[in-house]
N, C-alpha and C. Protein backbone atom coordinates (compact mmCIF):
# COMPACT_ATOMS: atom_id res chain seq x y z
N UNK A 1 60.34 73.11 77.36
CA UNK A 1 59.69 71.80 77.65
C UNK A 1 60.46 71.04 78.70
N UNK A 2 59.70 70.63 79.66
CA UNK A 2 60.19 69.74 80.79
C UNK A 2 60.12 68.35 80.46
N UNK A 3 61.10 67.63 80.77
CA UNK A 3 61.23 66.22 80.51
C UNK A 3 61.40 65.42 81.86
N UNK A 4 60.64 64.40 82.03
CA UNK A 4 60.72 63.50 83.19
C UNK A 4 61.70 62.29 82.87
N UNK A 5 62.51 62.07 83.80
CA UNK A 5 63.43 60.93 83.55
C UNK A 5 62.79 59.60 84.12
N UNK A 6 62.73 58.61 83.19
CA UNK A 6 62.10 57.37 83.71
C UNK A 6 63.18 56.40 84.32
N UNK A 7 62.68 55.61 85.31
CA UNK A 7 63.66 54.70 85.92
C UNK A 7 63.55 53.34 85.34
N UNK A 8 62.62 53.10 84.47
CA UNK A 8 62.58 51.68 83.87
C UNK A 8 63.00 51.82 82.34
N UNK A 9 63.33 50.67 81.84
CA UNK A 9 63.63 50.56 80.35
C UNK A 9 62.42 50.34 79.54
N UNK A 10 62.48 50.67 78.26
CA UNK A 10 61.30 50.19 77.36
C UNK A 10 61.22 48.82 77.30
N UNK A 11 60.18 48.15 76.83
CA UNK A 11 60.02 46.73 76.48
C UNK A 11 60.86 46.53 75.44
N UNK A 12 61.60 45.28 75.35
CA UNK A 12 62.44 44.81 74.44
C UNK A 12 61.80 43.61 73.65
N UNK A 13 62.33 43.33 72.47
CA UNK A 13 61.82 42.17 71.79
C UNK A 13 62.15 42.21 70.29
N UNK A 14 62.14 41.30 69.63
CA UNK A 14 62.49 41.19 68.14
C UNK A 14 61.22 41.36 67.27
N UNK A 15 60.11 40.86 67.82
CA UNK A 15 58.91 41.08 66.87
C UNK A 15 57.71 41.60 67.67
N UNK A 16 56.65 42.02 67.02
CA UNK A 16 55.51 42.68 67.66
C UNK A 16 54.84 41.70 68.77
N UNK A 17 54.61 40.53 68.49
CA UNK A 17 54.02 39.64 69.34
C UNK A 17 54.71 39.54 70.66
N UNK A 18 56.05 39.48 70.74
CA UNK A 18 56.85 39.47 71.89
C UNK A 18 56.76 40.72 72.64
N UNK A 19 56.82 41.80 72.15
CA UNK A 19 56.82 43.17 72.87
C UNK A 19 55.38 43.37 73.20
N UNK A 20 54.40 43.07 72.53
CA UNK A 20 53.04 43.24 72.85
C UNK A 20 52.66 42.32 74.10
N UNK A 21 53.16 41.14 74.17
CA UNK A 21 53.01 40.28 75.17
C UNK A 21 53.40 40.81 76.57
N UNK A 22 54.68 41.45 76.63
CA UNK A 22 55.08 42.16 77.79
C UNK A 22 54.28 43.37 78.17
N UNK A 23 53.91 44.22 77.17
CA UNK A 23 53.16 45.38 77.52
C UNK A 23 51.72 45.01 77.86
N UNK A 24 51.09 44.09 77.23
CA UNK A 24 49.84 43.62 77.53
C UNK A 24 49.70 42.98 78.96
N UNK A 25 50.87 42.22 79.32
CA UNK A 25 51.00 41.63 80.69
C UNK A 25 50.81 42.74 81.70
N UNK A 26 51.42 43.86 81.45
CA UNK A 26 51.50 44.99 82.46
C UNK A 26 50.09 45.41 82.46
N UNK A 27 49.43 45.60 81.32
CA UNK A 27 47.99 46.20 81.20
C UNK A 27 47.20 45.22 82.00
N UNK A 28 47.12 43.88 81.77
CA UNK A 28 46.27 42.95 82.43
C UNK A 28 46.55 43.01 83.96
N UNK A 29 47.70 43.12 84.34
CA UNK A 29 48.15 43.25 85.84
C UNK A 29 47.32 44.50 86.41
N UNK A 30 47.37 45.62 85.71
CA UNK A 30 46.54 46.80 86.25
C UNK A 30 45.09 46.54 86.08
N UNK A 31 44.71 45.74 85.18
CA UNK A 31 43.32 45.52 84.91
C UNK A 31 42.72 44.66 86.12
N UNK A 32 43.48 43.76 86.56
CA UNK A 32 43.15 42.79 87.61
C UNK A 32 43.05 43.55 88.88
N UNK A 33 43.68 44.71 89.04
CA UNK A 33 43.63 45.45 90.31
C UNK A 33 42.46 46.33 90.40
N UNK A 34 41.60 46.52 89.36
CA UNK A 34 40.48 47.32 89.31
C UNK A 34 39.23 46.53 88.95
N UNK A 35 38.09 46.99 89.49
CA UNK A 35 36.87 46.19 89.35
C UNK A 35 36.33 46.46 87.94
N UNK A 36 36.43 47.58 87.31
CA UNK A 36 35.74 47.94 86.05
C UNK A 36 36.84 48.22 84.93
N UNK A 37 36.90 49.49 84.54
CA UNK A 37 37.84 49.86 83.41
C UNK A 37 39.27 50.07 84.07
N UNK A 38 40.28 49.58 83.38
CA UNK A 38 41.70 49.70 84.00
C UNK A 38 42.05 51.10 83.85
N UNK A 39 42.75 51.55 84.95
CA UNK A 39 43.14 52.95 85.09
C UNK A 39 44.36 53.02 86.00
N UNK A 40 45.21 54.01 85.96
CA UNK A 40 46.22 54.50 86.77
C UNK A 40 45.87 55.84 87.36
N UNK A 41 46.41 56.12 88.48
CA UNK A 41 46.23 57.54 89.11
C UNK A 41 47.51 58.35 88.87
N UNK A 42 47.19 59.57 88.42
CA UNK A 42 48.22 60.53 88.15
C UNK A 42 48.49 61.60 89.18
N UNK A 43 49.80 61.81 89.49
CA UNK A 43 50.12 62.89 90.49
C UNK A 43 49.80 64.21 90.02
N UNK A 44 50.11 64.44 88.70
CA UNK A 44 49.89 65.82 88.09
C UNK A 44 48.51 66.14 88.18
N UNK A 45 47.59 65.25 87.98
CA UNK A 45 46.13 65.59 87.91
C UNK A 45 45.55 65.43 89.30
N UNK A 46 46.36 65.36 90.35
CA UNK A 46 45.90 65.33 91.74
C UNK A 46 45.12 64.04 91.86
N UNK A 47 45.88 62.93 91.49
CA UNK A 47 45.31 61.58 91.78
C UNK A 47 44.07 61.19 91.16
N UNK A 48 43.81 61.87 90.04
CA UNK A 48 42.69 61.57 89.31
C UNK A 48 43.06 60.25 88.37
N UNK A 49 42.02 59.59 87.91
CA UNK A 49 42.10 58.42 87.17
C UNK A 49 42.29 58.72 85.74
N UNK A 50 43.32 57.92 85.07
CA UNK A 50 43.57 58.01 83.70
C UNK A 50 43.27 56.64 83.14
N UNK A 51 42.40 56.58 82.32
CA UNK A 51 41.86 55.34 81.87
C UNK A 51 42.78 54.84 80.63
N UNK A 52 42.91 53.53 80.53
CA UNK A 52 43.96 53.04 79.66
C UNK A 52 43.44 52.22 78.47
N UNK A 53 42.10 51.98 78.44
CA UNK A 53 41.66 51.09 77.48
C UNK A 53 41.54 51.65 76.00
N UNK A 54 41.55 53.04 76.01
CA UNK A 54 41.53 53.72 74.70
C UNK A 54 42.84 53.52 73.89
N UNK A 55 43.95 53.41 74.80
CA UNK A 55 45.37 53.19 74.03
C UNK A 55 45.32 52.06 73.13
N UNK A 56 44.78 50.84 73.62
CA UNK A 56 44.86 49.69 72.82
C UNK A 56 43.91 49.70 71.51
N UNK A 57 42.73 50.39 71.71
CA UNK A 57 42.04 50.50 70.36
C UNK A 57 42.66 51.48 69.40
N UNK A 58 43.29 52.52 69.93
CA UNK A 58 43.98 53.50 69.14
C UNK A 58 45.15 52.84 68.48
N UNK A 59 45.93 51.96 69.21
CA UNK A 59 47.09 51.23 68.66
C UNK A 59 46.81 50.32 67.60
N UNK A 60 45.70 49.66 67.68
CA UNK A 60 45.38 48.62 66.67
C UNK A 60 44.62 49.32 65.34
N UNK A 61 44.40 50.56 65.48
CA UNK A 61 43.89 51.33 64.28
C UNK A 61 45.11 51.65 63.34
N UNK A 62 46.22 51.61 63.87
CA UNK A 62 47.49 51.66 63.03
C UNK A 62 47.67 50.51 62.11
N UNK A 63 47.79 50.84 60.81
CA UNK A 63 47.96 49.71 59.96
C UNK A 63 49.35 49.17 59.78
N UNK A 64 50.39 50.00 60.06
CA UNK A 64 51.85 49.76 59.94
C UNK A 64 52.21 49.01 61.18
N UNK A 65 52.57 47.67 61.01
CA UNK A 65 52.99 46.94 62.17
C UNK A 65 54.33 47.37 62.87
N UNK A 66 55.24 48.00 62.05
CA UNK A 66 56.43 48.52 62.64
C UNK A 66 56.12 49.80 63.61
N UNK A 67 55.16 50.55 63.13
CA UNK A 67 54.70 51.61 64.02
C UNK A 67 54.01 51.26 65.26
N UNK A 68 53.24 50.20 65.23
CA UNK A 68 52.62 49.58 66.38
C UNK A 68 53.71 49.22 67.42
N UNK A 69 54.71 48.46 66.91
CA UNK A 69 55.73 47.96 67.68
C UNK A 69 56.47 49.11 68.42
N UNK A 70 56.75 50.22 67.58
CA UNK A 70 57.57 51.32 67.99
C UNK A 70 56.77 51.95 69.20
N UNK A 71 55.46 52.02 69.18
CA UNK A 71 54.63 52.61 70.15
C UNK A 71 54.49 51.81 71.40
N UNK A 72 54.32 50.45 71.26
CA UNK A 72 53.97 49.56 72.33
C UNK A 72 55.25 49.31 73.23
N UNK A 73 56.41 49.60 72.64
CA UNK A 73 57.63 49.45 73.41
C UNK A 73 57.70 50.37 74.56
N UNK A 74 56.95 51.60 74.54
CA UNK A 74 57.05 52.53 75.45
C UNK A 74 55.88 52.61 76.50
N UNK A 75 55.13 51.40 76.55
CA UNK A 75 53.78 51.49 77.30
C UNK A 75 54.26 51.52 78.73
N UNK A 76 55.22 50.64 79.17
CA UNK A 76 55.58 50.65 80.60
C UNK A 76 56.15 52.04 81.08
N UNK A 77 56.89 52.66 80.19
CA UNK A 77 57.33 54.00 80.48
C UNK A 77 56.23 55.01 80.64
N UNK A 78 55.39 54.76 79.81
CA UNK A 78 54.23 55.82 79.91
C UNK A 78 53.36 55.57 81.18
N UNK A 79 53.37 54.41 81.58
CA UNK A 79 52.53 54.18 82.97
C UNK A 79 53.33 54.87 84.10
N UNK A 80 54.67 54.71 84.04
CA UNK A 80 55.53 55.32 85.15
C UNK A 80 55.32 56.83 84.98
N UNK A 81 55.51 57.36 83.80
CA UNK A 81 55.48 58.72 83.56
C UNK A 81 54.01 59.30 84.06
N UNK A 82 52.95 58.69 83.82
CA UNK A 82 51.68 59.17 84.14
C UNK A 82 51.48 59.18 85.69
N UNK A 83 52.00 58.07 86.27
CA UNK A 83 51.87 57.94 87.66
C UNK A 83 52.71 58.99 88.61
N UNK A 84 53.87 59.25 88.04
CA UNK A 84 54.93 59.91 88.92
C UNK A 84 55.28 61.27 88.60
N UNK A 85 54.94 61.80 87.24
CA UNK A 85 55.37 63.16 86.94
C UNK A 85 54.62 64.33 87.50
N UNK A 86 55.35 65.33 87.92
CA UNK A 86 54.68 66.54 88.32
C UNK A 86 55.03 67.67 87.38
N UNK A 87 55.71 67.35 86.36
CA UNK A 87 56.11 68.30 85.34
C UNK A 87 54.85 68.79 84.43
N UNK A 88 54.77 70.08 84.14
CA UNK A 88 53.79 70.63 83.36
C UNK A 88 53.75 70.17 81.92
N UNK A 89 52.70 69.62 81.42
CA UNK A 89 52.67 69.18 80.06
C UNK A 89 52.42 70.32 79.07
N UNK A 90 52.52 70.13 77.77
CA UNK A 90 51.92 70.96 76.80
C UNK A 90 50.50 70.64 76.59
N UNK A 91 49.67 71.72 76.45
CA UNK A 91 48.16 71.69 76.28
C UNK A 91 47.82 72.25 75.08
N UNK A 92 46.92 71.43 74.41
CA UNK A 92 46.45 71.87 73.06
C UNK A 92 44.89 71.40 72.99
N UNK A 93 44.00 72.36 72.57
CA UNK A 93 42.50 71.83 72.38
C UNK A 93 42.53 71.00 71.15
N UNK A 94 41.55 70.19 71.19
CA UNK A 94 41.24 69.31 69.99
C UNK A 94 40.67 70.05 68.89
N UNK A 95 41.34 70.27 67.77
CA UNK A 95 40.75 71.06 66.67
C UNK A 95 39.49 70.51 66.01
N UNK A 96 39.25 69.20 66.23
CA UNK A 96 38.13 68.47 65.66
C UNK A 96 36.85 68.42 66.46
N UNK A 97 37.19 68.57 67.87
CA UNK A 97 36.10 68.48 68.82
C UNK A 97 36.33 69.36 70.07
N UNK A 98 35.71 70.46 70.05
CA UNK A 98 35.97 71.60 71.00
C UNK A 98 35.82 71.19 72.58
N UNK A 99 35.21 70.00 72.86
CA UNK A 99 35.03 69.67 74.17
C UNK A 99 36.20 68.70 74.69
N UNK A 100 37.22 68.56 74.01
CA UNK A 100 38.42 67.85 74.25
C UNK A 100 39.66 68.55 74.35
N UNK A 101 40.59 68.24 75.35
CA UNK A 101 41.89 68.83 75.33
C UNK A 101 42.92 67.72 75.32
N UNK A 102 44.05 67.93 74.75
CA UNK A 102 45.23 66.98 74.71
C UNK A 102 46.24 67.56 75.66
N UNK A 103 46.77 66.71 76.34
CA UNK A 103 47.97 66.92 77.18
C UNK A 103 49.04 66.11 76.69
N UNK A 104 50.34 66.66 76.45
CA UNK A 104 51.51 65.94 76.01
C UNK A 104 52.47 66.09 77.11
N UNK A 105 52.90 64.85 77.68
CA UNK A 105 53.96 64.74 78.57
C UNK A 105 55.21 64.14 78.04
N UNK A 106 56.35 64.68 78.29
CA UNK A 106 57.63 64.16 77.63
C UNK A 106 58.48 63.49 78.76
N UNK A 107 58.98 62.44 78.31
CA UNK A 107 59.87 61.58 79.10
C UNK A 107 61.14 61.11 78.37
N UNK A 108 62.13 60.71 79.21
CA UNK A 108 63.37 60.24 78.52
C UNK A 108 63.64 59.02 79.38
N UNK A 109 63.97 57.86 78.60
CA UNK A 109 64.38 56.67 79.27
C UNK A 109 65.77 56.62 79.76
N UNK A 110 66.14 55.59 80.44
CA UNK A 110 67.58 55.52 80.95
C UNK A 110 68.63 55.42 79.89
N UNK A 111 68.06 54.97 78.62
CA UNK A 111 69.02 54.83 77.59
C UNK A 111 69.14 56.27 76.77
N UNK A 112 68.33 57.27 77.31
CA UNK A 112 68.36 58.46 76.60
C UNK A 112 67.48 58.64 75.47
N UNK A 113 66.58 57.86 75.29
CA UNK A 113 65.68 57.95 74.32
C UNK A 113 64.36 58.81 74.67
N UNK A 114 64.01 59.81 73.94
CA UNK A 114 62.76 60.59 74.30
C UNK A 114 61.55 59.98 73.76
N UNK A 115 60.39 60.26 74.54
CA UNK A 115 59.19 59.81 74.16
C UNK A 115 58.06 60.70 74.56
N UNK A 116 56.91 60.60 74.01
CA UNK A 116 55.89 61.53 74.37
C UNK A 116 54.59 60.62 74.77
N UNK A 117 53.85 61.05 75.76
CA UNK A 117 52.60 60.40 76.21
C UNK A 117 51.45 61.41 76.04
N UNK A 118 50.51 60.95 75.30
CA UNK A 118 49.33 61.94 74.97
C UNK A 118 48.14 61.47 75.71
N UNK A 119 47.57 62.40 76.48
CA UNK A 119 46.34 62.16 77.20
C UNK A 119 45.34 63.04 76.80
N UNK A 120 44.05 62.41 76.61
CA UNK A 120 42.90 63.19 76.15
C UNK A 120 41.95 63.52 77.41
N UNK A 121 41.52 64.77 77.46
CA UNK A 121 40.58 64.94 78.56
C UNK A 121 39.24 65.48 77.84
N UNK A 122 38.09 64.77 78.32
CA UNK A 122 36.79 65.12 77.84
C UNK A 122 36.31 66.22 79.00
N UNK A 123 36.09 67.46 78.41
CA UNK A 123 35.76 68.61 79.27
C UNK A 123 34.36 68.45 80.00
N UNK A 124 33.51 67.79 79.21
CA UNK A 124 32.16 67.42 79.76
C UNK A 124 32.14 66.55 81.02
N UNK A 125 32.85 65.44 80.74
CA UNK A 125 32.85 64.38 81.84
C UNK A 125 33.99 64.58 82.84
N UNK A 126 35.09 65.20 82.52
CA UNK A 126 36.19 65.39 83.22
C UNK A 126 37.09 64.11 83.25
N UNK A 127 36.78 63.21 82.40
CA UNK A 127 37.46 61.97 82.33
C UNK A 127 38.76 62.18 81.46
N UNK A 128 39.79 61.40 81.75
CA UNK A 128 41.13 61.40 81.10
C UNK A 128 41.43 60.08 80.59
N UNK A 129 41.98 59.98 79.33
CA UNK A 129 42.40 58.76 78.64
C UNK A 129 43.72 58.82 78.18
N UNK A 130 44.39 57.73 78.28
CA UNK A 130 45.70 57.53 77.55
C UNK A 130 45.45 57.25 76.18
N UNK A 131 45.84 58.08 75.28
CA UNK A 131 45.48 57.87 73.93
C UNK A 131 46.80 57.29 73.05
N UNK A 132 47.95 57.92 73.33
CA UNK A 132 49.16 57.40 72.52
C UNK A 132 50.40 57.68 73.31
N UNK A 133 51.25 56.76 72.82
CA UNK A 133 52.72 56.84 73.32
C UNK A 133 53.41 56.67 72.19
N UNK A 134 54.48 57.57 71.87
CA UNK A 134 55.47 57.44 70.72
C UNK A 134 56.78 58.07 70.98
N UNK A 135 57.78 57.54 70.41
CA UNK A 135 59.16 58.20 70.51
C UNK A 135 59.12 59.50 69.71
N UNK A 136 59.94 60.41 70.20
CA UNK A 136 60.08 61.79 69.61
C UNK A 136 61.46 62.08 69.52
N UNK A 137 61.70 63.07 68.56
CA UNK A 137 63.10 63.50 68.40
C UNK A 137 63.19 65.12 68.78
N UNK A 138 62.28 65.57 69.48
CA UNK A 138 62.27 66.93 69.80
C UNK A 138 63.31 67.21 70.81
N UNK A 139 63.95 68.38 70.70
CA UNK A 139 65.05 68.73 71.61
C UNK A 139 64.60 69.08 73.01
N UNK A 140 65.39 68.74 73.99
CA UNK A 140 64.97 69.15 75.29
C UNK A 140 65.38 70.50 75.58
């Protein structure tokens, strides 16, 4: 497994509202730079768009507030990883829907904390979506 070293730190804060405000601020900054759906371009996927709106709906499906905070802290790191990594991700077809593929990119913060960014690709439309970001303990 290849790991990309991130040059920024994760979002900090003591409660979910504080951390969400920082992460959502970055999201709105990206959203204001686009006319329609917010996206970032990925170097690995040859400058294709990775749409970001699915991340927020997936995040708020989580009932556990601590889990939400744990995930949203890495949103800025995920954006940098998507934009800059050229490292090969792990690929897995969606067992529930054959027309989707999941890509997992691994990164490490400047503090040495590993995290995973999961991107979903719809094979029919060739669109890619940021689904999830979460810390991981897998060995490098």
